[in-house]
Amino acid sequence: MLHTTWPGLSGVMPRVVLGAWPSPLEAKIVRGHEVLFKREDLSAEGYAGNKIRPLEMVFGAARAAGLGEIWSTGAYGSNHALAAVVHARRQGLFGGAILWPQ
């Protein structure tokens, strides 16, 4: 969405496409009212969710710099670290994580 809104960013902020955007909306009735749910869980194969949006820019910058590894840090159970490792492999990069207790 960022690159669609501001196409000039493509030349200065490289990215790779990890997800299918926009993620779909699903209507449900909750307590008699229609509520729209944004289905980020359907946005990508392997590991989906909003964590992969910023990774598109991180991986794009890594590719532009000629890097072959992505390392992420966080506490045990970090969803961001998991998303980085899963999608790094899908992009042909080595993905690693350094984790610590909370």
Protein backbone atom coordinates (compact mmCIF):
# COMPACT_ATOMS: atom_id res chain seq x y z
CA MET A 1 0.00 0.00 0.00
CA LEU A 2 2.83 2.40 0.84
CA HIS A 3 4.44 1.99 -2.58
CA THR A 4 1.06 2.19 -4.29
CA THR A 5 0.22 5.46 -2.55
CA TRP A 6 3.67 6.96 -3.15
CA PRO A 7 5.13 5.29 -6.27
CA GLY A 8 8.27 7.45 -6.02
CA LEU A 9 9.34 5.39 -3.01
CA SER A 10 10.07 2.39 -5.23
CA GLY A 11 13.37 3.90 -6.32
CA VAL A 12 14.54 4.84 -2.83
CA MET A 13 12.87 2.24 -0.61
CA PRO A 14 13.23 -1.22 -2.18
CA ARG A 15 10.92 -4.01 -1.11
CA VAL A 16 10.07 -7.60 -1.84
CA VAL A 17 6.49 -8.82 -1.93
CA LEU A 18 5.75 -11.28 0.87
CA GLY A 19 2.00 -10.92 1.15
CA ALA A 20 -1.14 -10.58 -0.93
CA TRP A 21 -2.44 -7.08 -0.25
CA PRO A 22 -4.85 -5.78 0.72
CA SER A 23 -5.77 -8.57 3.09
CA PRO A 24 -9.44 -9.56 2.76
CA LEU A 25 -12.26 -8.33 4.96
CA GLU A 26 -14.80 -10.79 6.30
CA ALA A 27 -18.22 -9.73 7.57
CA LYS A 28 -19.65 -11.42 10.68
CA ILE A 29 -22.66 -10.68 12.84
CA VAL A 30 -21.60 -9.96 16.43
CA ARG A 31 -24.34 -9.25 18.98
CA GLY A 32 -26.71 -8.29 16.20
CA HIS A 33 -24.28 -5.95 14.42
CA GLU A 34 -22.27 -6.51 11.29
CA VAL A 35 -18.55 -6.33 12.07
CA LEU A 36 -15.77 -6.43 9.49
CA PHE A 37 -12.72 -8.51 10.37
CA LYS A 38 -9.46 -7.87 8.54
CA ARG A 39 -8.06 -11.34 7.75
CA GLU A 40 -4.34 -10.72 8.06
CA ASP A 41 -3.99 -14.46 8.70
CA LEU A 42 -4.69 -15.03 4.99
CA SER A 43 -2.16 -12.49 3.72
CA ALA A 44 0.79 -14.84 3.11
CA GLU A 45 1.79 -18.47 2.77
CA GLY A 46 3.84 -20.07 5.53
CA TYR A 47 3.35 -17.37 8.14
CA ALA A 48 0.89 -14.52 7.78
CA GLY A 49 -0.18 -11.50 9.76
CA ASN A 50 0.80 -7.89 10.10
CA LYS A 51 4.40 -8.79 11.04
CA ILE A 52 5.26 -9.40 7.40
CA ARG A 53 4.36 -5.86 6.22
CA PRO A 54 7.54 -4.22 7.58
CA LEU A 55 9.59 -7.27 6.59
CA GLU A 56 8.88 -6.45 2.94
CA MET A 57 11.01 -3.31 3.35
CA VAL A 58 13.66 -5.01 5.53
CA PHE A 59 14.13 -7.80 3.00
CA GLY A 60 14.09 -5.30 0.12
CA ALA A 61 16.89 -3.31 1.78
CA ALA A 62 18.85 -6.51 2.43
CA ARG A 63 18.53 -7.56 -1.21
CA ALA A 64 19.51 -4.10 -2.45
CA ALA A 65 22.61 -4.23 -0.22
CA GLY A 66 23.53 -7.69 -1.55
CA LEU A 67 23.11 -9.36 1.84
CA GLY A 68 22.29 -13.03 2.23
CA GLU A 69 21.26 -13.21 5.89
CA ILE A 70 18.50 -11.76 8.06
CA TRP A 71 18.81 -11.87 11.85
CA SER A 72 15.99 -10.95 14.19
CA THR A 73 15.99 -10.46 17.95
CA GLY A 74 13.33 -10.68 20.61
CA ALA A 75 11.98 -12.54 23.59
CA TYR A 76 11.13 -16.24 23.53
CA GLY A 77 7.98 -16.66 21.49
CA SER A 78 8.60 -13.55 19.36
CA ASN A 79 6.17 -13.54 16.43
CA HIS A 80 8.35 -11.06 14.57
CA ALA A 81 11.45 -13.28 14.87
CA LEU A 82 9.48 -16.29 13.64
CA ALA A 83 8.04 -14.35 10.69
CA ALA A 84 11.52 -13.10 9.75
CA VAL A 85 13.01 -16.62 9.75
CA VAL A 86 10.11 -18.20 7.84
CA HIS A 87 10.01 -15.54 5.14
CA ALA A 88 13.80 -15.26 4.85
CA ARG A 89 13.89 -18.89 3.77
CA ARG A 90 11.10 -18.28 1.26
CA GLN A 91 13.20 -15.44 -0.21
CA GLY A 92 16.36 -17.53 -0.45
CA LEU A 93 18.02 -15.78 2.51
CA PHE A 94 19.42 -17.34 5.65
CA GLY A 95 17.20 -16.42 8.57
CA GLY A 96 18.28 -16.55 12.17
CA ALA A 97 16.96 -15.35 15.52
CA ILE A 98 18.59 -14.41 18.81
CA LEU A 99 16.08 -14.86 21.62
CA TRP A 100 16.12 -14.28 25.37
CA PRO A 101 13.68 -14.77 28.25
CA GLN A 102 11.21 -11.96 28.91
